[in-house]
Amino acid sequence: MVLIVDQADYLSDAALELLRCIIVDMAEVGLVLVGLPRLKIQLENLQNDHEQLLSRVGTFLKVNRMRDEDAMKIIQSVWESASQEVITALTKCAHGSVRTLVKLIGHVHRIMVVNWLEAPTYEAVSDACELVKG
């Protein structure tokens, strides 16, 4: 098993050490800490005494903006026959954010259900984009 902790950069040093002790050492469960770049700084700061936690770090992975090719793969995994117009509109509205793309896909799906649509349309994507922009 693996425990994924999102927004780990908001955890105190004591909370990080508690996670290491209970989750990693005692439960022998994998731990993934997700956070902003300041999390790496917090872990590497010698004053915070995270040497035992750092010794268990396999990889620091910086996630960059989603590439258009990756967005297309995600969209096509949901709607295999999505038109290029729909894929382009979803990709453009997502602005490189996987989180935004997933929200858009959810909104488009709900719009499709309400309107009895078999496949996503450019209009449904436009409406979903407006919902996400708020």
N, C-alpha and C. Protein backbone atom coordinates (compact mmCIF):
# COMPACT_ATOMS: atom_id res chain seq x y z
N MET A 1 0.84 -1.19 0.00
CA MET A 1 0.00 0.00 0.00
C MET A 1 0.88 1.25 0.00
N VAL A 2 0.26 2.32 -0.44
CA VAL A 2 0.94 3.62 -0.46
C VAL A 2 -0.04 4.66 0.05
N LEU A 3 0.43 5.51 0.93
CA LEU A 3 -0.36 6.64 1.42
C LEU A 3 0.13 7.89 0.71
N ILE A 4 -0.81 8.61 0.07
CA ILE A 4 -0.47 9.85 -0.63
C ILE A 4 -1.01 11.01 0.19
N VAL A 5 -0.13 11.92 0.56
CA VAL A 5 -0.51 13.09 1.35
C VAL A 5 -0.38 14.33 0.46
N ASP A 6 -1.52 14.91 0.10
CA ASP A 6 -1.51 16.12 -0.72
C ASP A 6 -1.34 17.33 0.18
N GLN A 7 -0.80 18.38 -0.35
CA GLN A 7 -0.53 19.63 0.37
C GLN A 7 0.35 19.39 1.59
N ALA A 8 1.31 18.47 1.43
CA ALA A 8 2.21 18.13 2.54
C ALA A 8 3.09 19.30 2.94
N ASP A 9 3.21 20.30 2.07
CA ASP A 9 4.02 21.48 2.41
C ASP A 9 3.39 22.28 3.55
N TYR A 10 2.14 22.00 3.88
CA TYR A 10 1.49 22.69 5.00
C TYR A 10 1.68 21.95 6.33
N LEU A 11 2.27 20.76 6.29
CA LEU A 11 2.48 20.00 7.52
C LEU A 11 3.64 20.56 8.32
N SER A 12 3.51 20.49 9.61
CA SER A 12 4.61 20.93 10.49
C SER A 12 5.72 19.88 10.44
N ASP A 13 6.88 20.26 10.93
CA ASP A 13 7.99 19.32 10.99
C ASP A 13 7.64 18.12 11.87
N ALA A 14 6.93 18.37 12.96
CA ALA A 14 6.53 17.27 13.86
C ALA A 14 5.57 16.32 13.15
N ALA A 15 4.65 16.86 12.36
CA ALA A 15 3.70 16.02 11.64
C ALA A 15 4.41 15.16 10.59
N LEU A 16 5.39 15.74 9.90
CA LEU A 16 6.17 14.98 8.92
C LEU A 16 6.90 13.82 9.59
N GLU A 17 7.50 14.09 10.72
CA GLU A 17 8.22 13.04 11.44
C GLU A 17 7.26 11.97 11.97
N LEU A 18 6.07 12.38 12.38
CA LEU A 18 5.06 11.42 12.85
C LEU A 18 4.64 10.51 11.68
N LEU A 19 4.45 11.08 10.51
CA LEU A 19 4.13 10.28 9.33
C LEU A 19 5.24 9.26 9.05
N ARG A 20 6.48 9.72 9.11
CA ARG A 20 7.59 8.82 8.88
C ARG A 20 7.59 7.68 9.88
N CYS A 21 7.42 8.02 11.13
CA CYS A 21 7.48 7.02 12.19
C CYS A 21 6.33 6.00 12.09
N ILE A 22 5.11 6.50 11.99
CA ILE A 22 3.95 5.61 12.00
C ILE A 22 3.73 4.92 10.66
N ILE A 23 3.72 5.68 9.59
CA ILE A 23 3.37 5.14 8.29
C ILE A 23 4.51 4.33 7.68
N VAL A 24 5.69 4.91 7.63
CA VAL A 24 6.81 4.26 6.94
C VAL A 24 7.44 3.19 7.81
N ASP A 25 7.82 3.55 9.04
CA ASP A 25 8.57 2.62 9.88
C ASP A 25 7.69 1.55 10.53
N MET A 26 6.59 1.95 11.14
CA MET A 26 5.78 0.99 11.89
C MET A 26 4.83 0.20 10.97
N ALA A 27 4.12 0.88 10.10
CA ALA A 27 3.14 0.20 9.24
C ALA A 27 3.79 -0.36 7.97
N GLU A 28 5.02 0.07 7.68
CA GLU A 28 5.75 -0.35 6.49
C GLU A 28 4.93 -0.11 5.22
N VAL A 29 4.34 1.08 5.16
CA VAL A 29 3.55 1.52 4.02
C VAL A 29 4.34 2.60 3.30
N GLY A 30 4.27 2.60 1.97
CA GLY A 30 4.93 3.63 1.20
C GLY A 30 4.27 4.98 1.44
N LEU A 31 5.03 6.02 1.33
CA LEU A 31 4.53 7.37 1.58
C LEU A 31 4.93 8.28 0.43
N VAL A 32 3.94 8.97 -0.14
CA VAL A 32 4.18 9.96 -1.18
C VAL A 32 3.73 11.30 -0.63
N LEU A 33 4.64 12.25 -0.57
CA LEU A 33 4.33 13.59 -0.12
C LEU A 33 4.21 14.49 -1.34
N VAL A 34 3.07 15.15 -1.47
CA VAL A 34 2.82 16.02 -2.61
C VAL A 34 2.70 17.44 -2.08
N GLY A 35 3.39 18.36 -2.70
CA GLY A 35 3.31 19.74 -2.24
C GLY A 35 4.05 20.68 -3.17
N LEU A 36 4.04 21.91 -2.78
CA LEU A 36 4.74 22.95 -3.52
C LEU A 36 6.24 22.80 -3.32
N PRO A 37 7.06 23.48 -4.14
CA PRO A 37 8.52 23.35 -4.03
C PRO A 37 9.06 23.61 -2.62
N ARG A 38 8.34 24.38 -1.81
CA ARG A 38 8.84 24.66 -0.46
C ARG A 38 8.92 23.39 0.40
N LEU A 39 8.20 22.32 0.02
CA LEU A 39 8.28 21.06 0.76
C LEU A 39 9.69 20.49 0.69
N LYS A 40 10.30 20.53 -0.49
CA LYS A 40 11.68 20.04 -0.64
C LYS A 40 12.63 20.85 0.23
N ILE A 41 12.44 22.16 0.24
CA ILE A 41 13.29 23.04 1.06
C ILE A 41 13.11 22.70 2.54
N GLN A 42 11.87 22.48 2.94
CA GLN A 42 11.58 22.14 4.34
C GLN A 42 12.25 20.82 4.72
N LEU A 43 12.19 19.84 3.84
CA LEU A 43 12.79 18.54 4.14
C LEU A 43 14.31 18.61 4.17
N GLU A 44 14.90 19.40 3.29
CA GLU A 44 16.35 19.47 3.20
C GLU A 44 16.98 20.43 4.20
N ASN A 45 16.19 21.24 4.88
CA ASN A 45 16.71 22.18 5.87
C ASN A 45 17.25 21.40 7.06
N LEU A 46 18.54 21.47 7.27
CA LEU A 46 19.18 20.70 8.34
C LEU A 46 18.65 21.05 9.72
N GLN A 47 18.19 22.28 9.91
CA GLN A 47 17.65 22.69 11.21
C GLN A 47 16.36 21.95 11.56
N ASN A 48 15.66 21.42 10.53
CA ASN A 48 14.39 20.74 10.78
C ASN A 48 14.58 19.27 11.16
N ASP A 49 15.82 18.75 11.05
CA ASP A 49 16.17 17.40 11.47
C ASP A 49 15.29 16.34 10.82
N HIS A 50 15.26 16.33 9.49
CA HIS A 50 14.49 15.32 8.75
C HIS A 50 15.41 14.29 8.09
N GLU A 51 16.57 14.03 8.72
CA GLU A 51 17.54 13.13 8.10
C GLU A 51 16.98 11.74 7.89
N GLN A 52 16.22 11.21 8.87
CA GLN A 52 15.66 9.87 8.71
C GLN A 52 14.61 9.84 7.59
N LEU A 53 13.83 10.90 7.50
CA LEU A 53 12.83 10.98 6.43
C LEU A 53 13.53 11.13 5.07
N LEU A 54 14.53 11.99 5.01
CA LEU A 54 15.27 12.19 3.75
C LEU A 54 15.97 10.92 3.29
N SER A 55 16.43 10.08 4.23
CA SER A 55 17.11 8.85 3.84
C SER A 55 16.16 7.86 3.17
N ARG A 56 14.86 8.10 3.30
CA ARG A 56 13.86 7.22 2.69
C ARG A 56 13.29 7.80 1.39
N VAL A 57 13.72 9.00 1.04
CA VAL A 57 13.22 9.65 -0.18
C VAL A 57 13.86 8.97 -1.38
N GLY A 58 13.01 8.47 -2.27
CA GLY A 58 13.52 7.84 -3.49
C GLY A 58 13.69 8.86 -4.60
N THR A 59 12.74 9.79 -4.71
CA THR A 59 12.76 10.74 -5.81
C THR A 59 12.05 12.02 -5.43
N PHE A 60 12.65 13.13 -5.81
CA PHE A 60 11.94 14.41 -5.79
C PHE A 60 11.50 14.62 -7.23
N LEU A 61 10.23 14.69 -7.47
CA LEU A 61 9.72 14.85 -8.83
C LEU A 61 9.00 16.17 -8.96
N LYS A 62 9.49 17.00 -9.85
CA LYS A 62 8.82 18.26 -10.14
C LYS A 62 7.87 18.02 -11.31
N VAL A 63 6.61 18.25 -11.10
CA VAL A 63 5.62 18.04 -12.14
C VAL A 63 5.44 19.35 -12.90
N ASN A 64 5.71 19.29 -14.18
CA ASN A 64 5.58 20.46 -15.02
C ASN A 64 4.17 20.53 -15.61
N ARG A 65 3.94 21.57 -16.37
CA ARG A 65 2.64 21.72 -17.05
C ARG A 65 2.40 20.51 -17.95
N MET A 66 1.14 20.14 -18.05
CA MET A 66 0.75 19.03 -18.91
C MET A 66 0.99 19.40 -20.37
N ARG A 67 1.57 18.47 -21.10
CA ARG A 67 1.78 18.68 -22.53
C ARG A 67 0.48 18.41 -23.27
N ASP A 68 0.32 19.02 -24.43
CA ASP A 68 -0.88 18.82 -25.23
C ASP A 68 -1.08 17.34 -25.59
N GLU A 69 0.03 16.64 -25.85
CA GLU A 69 -0.06 15.21 -26.19
C GLU A 69 -0.64 14.41 -25.04
N ASP A 70 -0.25 14.78 -23.80
CA ASP A 70 -0.76 14.09 -22.63
C ASP A 70 -2.24 14.40 -22.41
N ALA A 71 -2.62 15.65 -22.64
CA ALA A 71 -4.02 16.03 -22.53
C ALA A 71 -4.85 15.22 -23.52
N MET A 72 -4.35 15.08 -24.73
CA MET A 72 -5.07 14.32 -25.75
C MET A 72 -5.26 12.86 -25.31
N LYS A 73 -4.23 12.28 -24.73
CA LYS A 73 -4.33 10.89 -24.26
C LYS A 73 -5.37 10.76 -23.15
N ILE A 74 -5.39 11.72 -22.24
CA ILE A 74 -6.38 11.69 -21.16
C ILE A 74 -7.79 11.81 -21.72
N ILE A 75 -7.98 12.76 -22.61
CA ILE A 75 -9.31 12.99 -23.20
C ILE A 75 -9.75 11.76 -23.98
N GLN A 76 -8.86 11.20 -24.78
CA GLN A 76 -9.22 10.03 -25.58
C GLN A 76 -9.43 8.78 -24.73
N SER A 77 -8.86 8.76 -23.53
CA SER A 77 -9.14 7.62 -22.64
C SER A 77 -10.56 7.68 -22.10
N VAL A 78 -11.14 8.89 -22.09
CA VAL A 78 -12.52 9.06 -21.65
C VAL A 78 -13.47 8.94 -22.83
N TRP A 79 -13.14 9.62 -23.92
CA TRP A 79 -13.98 9.62 -25.13
C TRP A 79 -13.09 9.26 -26.31
N GLU A 80 -13.06 7.99 -26.67
CA GLU A 80 -12.19 7.52 -27.75
C GLU A 80 -12.41 8.26 -29.06
N SER A 81 -13.66 8.60 -29.35
CA SER A 81 -13.97 9.21 -30.64
C SER A 81 -14.13 10.73 -30.55
N ALA A 82 -13.54 11.34 -29.55
CA ALA A 82 -13.65 12.80 -29.42
C ALA A 82 -13.04 13.48 -30.65
N SER A 83 -13.74 14.47 -31.14
CA SER A 83 -13.27 15.20 -32.33
C SER A 83 -12.04 16.03 -31.97
N GLN A 84 -11.27 16.35 -32.99
CA GLN A 84 -10.09 17.19 -32.78
C GLN A 84 -10.50 18.56 -32.24
N GLU A 85 -11.66 19.06 -32.66
CA GLU A 85 -12.17 20.35 -32.19
C GLU A 85 -12.42 20.30 -30.67
N VAL A 86 -13.00 19.21 -30.19
CA VAL A 86 -13.26 19.04 -28.76
C VAL A 86 -11.95 18.91 -27.99
N ILE A 87 -11.02 18.11 -28.51
CA ILE A 87 -9.73 17.91 -27.85
C ILE A 87 -8.98 19.24 -27.75
N THR A 88 -8.97 20.00 -28.82
CA THR A 88 -8.28 21.29 -28.82
C THR A 88 -8.91 22.25 -27.83
N ALA A 89 -10.24 22.30 -27.80
CA ALA A 89 -10.94 23.21 -26.89
C ALA A 89 -10.68 22.83 -25.43
N LEU A 90 -10.74 21.55 -25.11
CA LEU A 90 -10.47 21.10 -23.73
C LEU A 90 -9.03 21.41 -23.34
N THR A 91 -8.10 21.14 -24.23
CA THR A 91 -6.68 21.38 -23.95
C THR A 91 -6.42 22.86 -23.73
N LYS A 92 -7.01 23.69 -24.57
CA LYS A 92 -6.81 25.14 -24.45
C LYS A 92 -7.38 25.66 -23.14
N CYS A 93 -8.58 25.20 -22.77
CA CYS A 93 -9.22 25.67 -21.54
C CYS A 93 -8.49 25.18 -20.28
N ALA A 94 -7.85 24.00 -20.37
CA ALA A 94 -7.15 23.43 -19.21
C ALA A 94 -5.86 24.17 -18.90
N HIS A 95 -5.29 24.89 -19.84
CA HIS A 95 -4.05 25.67 -19.64
C HIS A 95 -2.93 24.85 -19.02
N GLY A 96 -2.78 23.59 -19.45
CA GLY A 96 -1.67 22.77 -18.95
C GLY A 96 -1.88 22.17 -17.59
N SER A 97 -3.07 22.28 -17.02
CA SER A 97 -3.34 21.76 -15.69
C SER A 97 -4.17 20.48 -15.77
N VAL A 98 -3.62 19.40 -15.25
CA VAL A 98 -4.35 18.13 -15.22
C VAL A 98 -5.60 18.27 -14.35
N ARG A 99 -5.46 18.95 -13.23
CA ARG A 99 -6.61 19.14 -12.33
C ARG A 99 -7.75 19.85 -13.05
N THR A 100 -7.44 20.91 -13.78
CA THR A 100 -8.46 21.64 -14.52
C THR A 100 -9.07 20.77 -15.60
N LEU A 101 -8.24 20.00 -16.29
CA LEU A 101 -8.76 19.11 -17.34
C LEU A 101 -9.74 18.10 -16.76
N VAL A 102 -9.41 17.53 -15.62
CA VAL A 102 -10.31 16.56 -14.99
C VAL A 102 -11.63 17.21 -14.60
N LYS A 103 -11.58 18.43 -14.07
CA LYS A 103 -12.80 19.16 -13.75
C LYS A 103 -13.63 19.41 -15.01
N LEU A 104 -12.96 19.82 -16.07
CA LEU A 104 -13.65 20.07 -17.33
C LEU A 104 -14.34 18.81 -17.84
N ILE A 105 -13.65 17.70 -17.79
CA ILE A 105 -14.22 16.44 -18.26
C ILE A 105 -15.47 16.10 -17.45
N GLY A 106 -15.42 16.31 -16.15
CA GLY A 106 -16.59 16.07 -15.31
C GLY A 106 -17.76 16.95 -15.69
N HIS A 107 -17.48 18.23 -15.91
CA HIS A 107 -18.55 19.16 -16.30
C HIS A 107 -19.12 18.80 -17.68
N VAL A 108 -18.25 18.47 -18.62
CA VAL A 108 -18.72 18.09 -19.95
C VAL A 108 -19.60 16.85 -19.86
N HIS A 109 -19.19 15.90 -19.04
CA HIS A 109 -19.99 14.68 -18.89
C HIS A 109 -21.39 15.01 -18.35
N ARG A 110 -21.46 15.86 -17.34
CA ARG A 110 -22.77 16.24 -16.79
C ARG A 110 -23.62 16.98 -17.83
N ILE A 111 -22.99 17.85 -18.61
CA ILE A 111 -23.71 18.56 -19.67
C ILE A 111 -24.22 17.56 -20.70
N MET A 112 -23.42 16.55 -21.02
CA MET A 112 -23.85 15.53 -21.98
C MET A 112 -25.06 14.76 -21.45
N VAL A 113 -25.04 14.42 -20.18
CA VAL A 113 -26.16 13.66 -19.59
C VAL A 113 -27.43 14.49 -19.64
N VAL A 114 -27.35 15.73 -19.22
CA VAL A 114 -28.53 16.60 -19.18
C VAL A 114 -29.11 16.82 -20.58
N ASN A 115 -28.23 16.88 -21.58
CA ASN A 115 -28.67 17.17 -22.94
C ASN A 115 -28.77 15.92 -23.83
N TRP A 116 -28.68 14.76 -23.22
CA TRP A 116 -28.80 13.49 -23.95
C TRP A 116 -27.82 13.41 -25.11
N LEU A 117 -26.58 13.83 -24.89
CA LEU A 117 -25.57 13.79 -25.94
C LEU A 117 -24.79 12.48 -25.89
N GLU A 118 -24.53 11.91 -27.04
CA GLU A 118 -23.76 10.67 -27.14
C GLU A 118 -22.26 10.93 -27.02
N ALA A 119 -21.84 12.08 -27.52
CA ALA A 119 -20.41 12.43 -27.54
C ALA A 119 -20.26 13.90 -27.16
N PRO A 120 -19.10 14.27 -26.65
CA PRO A 120 -18.89 15.68 -26.30
C PRO A 120 -18.89 16.57 -27.54
N THR A 121 -19.42 17.75 -27.39
CA THR A 121 -19.45 18.73 -28.48
C THR A 121 -18.64 19.95 -28.09
N TYR A 122 -18.30 20.74 -29.08
CA TYR A 122 -17.58 21.99 -28.83
C TYR A 122 -18.40 22.89 -27.90
N GLU A 123 -19.71 22.93 -28.10
CA GLU A 123 -20.59 23.77 -27.27
C GLU A 123 -20.57 23.30 -25.82
N ALA A 124 -20.60 21.98 -25.61
CA ALA A 124 -20.55 21.45 -24.24
C ALA A 124 -19.23 21.82 -23.57
N VAL A 125 -18.14 21.75 -24.33
CA VAL A 125 -16.83 22.12 -23.79
C VAL A 125 -16.80 23.60 -23.46
N SER A 126 -17.35 24.44 -24.33
CA SER A 126 -17.39 25.88 -24.08
C SER A 126 -18.16 26.19 -22.80
N ASP A 127 -19.31 25.53 -22.63
CA ASP A 127 -20.10 25.73 -21.40
C ASP A 127 -19.33 25.27 -20.17
N ALA A 128 -18.66 24.13 -20.28
CA ALA A 128 -17.86 23.60 -19.16
C ALA A 128 -16.71 24.54 -18.83
N CYS A 129 -16.11 25.10 -19.84
CA CYS A 129 -15.00 26.04 -19.64
C CYS A 129 -15.48 27.27 -18.87
N GLU A 130 -16.65 27.75 -19.20
CA GLU A 130 -17.22 28.90 -18.48
C GLU A 130 -17.46 28.55 -17.01
N LEU A 131 -17.91 27.31 -16.75
CA LEU A 131 -18.15 26.88 -15.37
C LEU A 131 -16.84 26.84 -14.57
N VAL A 132 -15.79 26.36 -15.20
CA VAL A 132 -14.50 26.25 -14.51
C VAL A 132 -13.88 27.63 -14.26
N LYS A 133 -14.05 28.53 -15.22
CA LYS A 133 -13.52 29.89 -15.06
C LYS A 133 -14.25 30.63 -13.95
N GLY A 134 -15.48 30.24 -13.72
CA GLY A 134 -16.27 30.82 -12.64
C GLY A 134 -16.78 32.14 -12.98
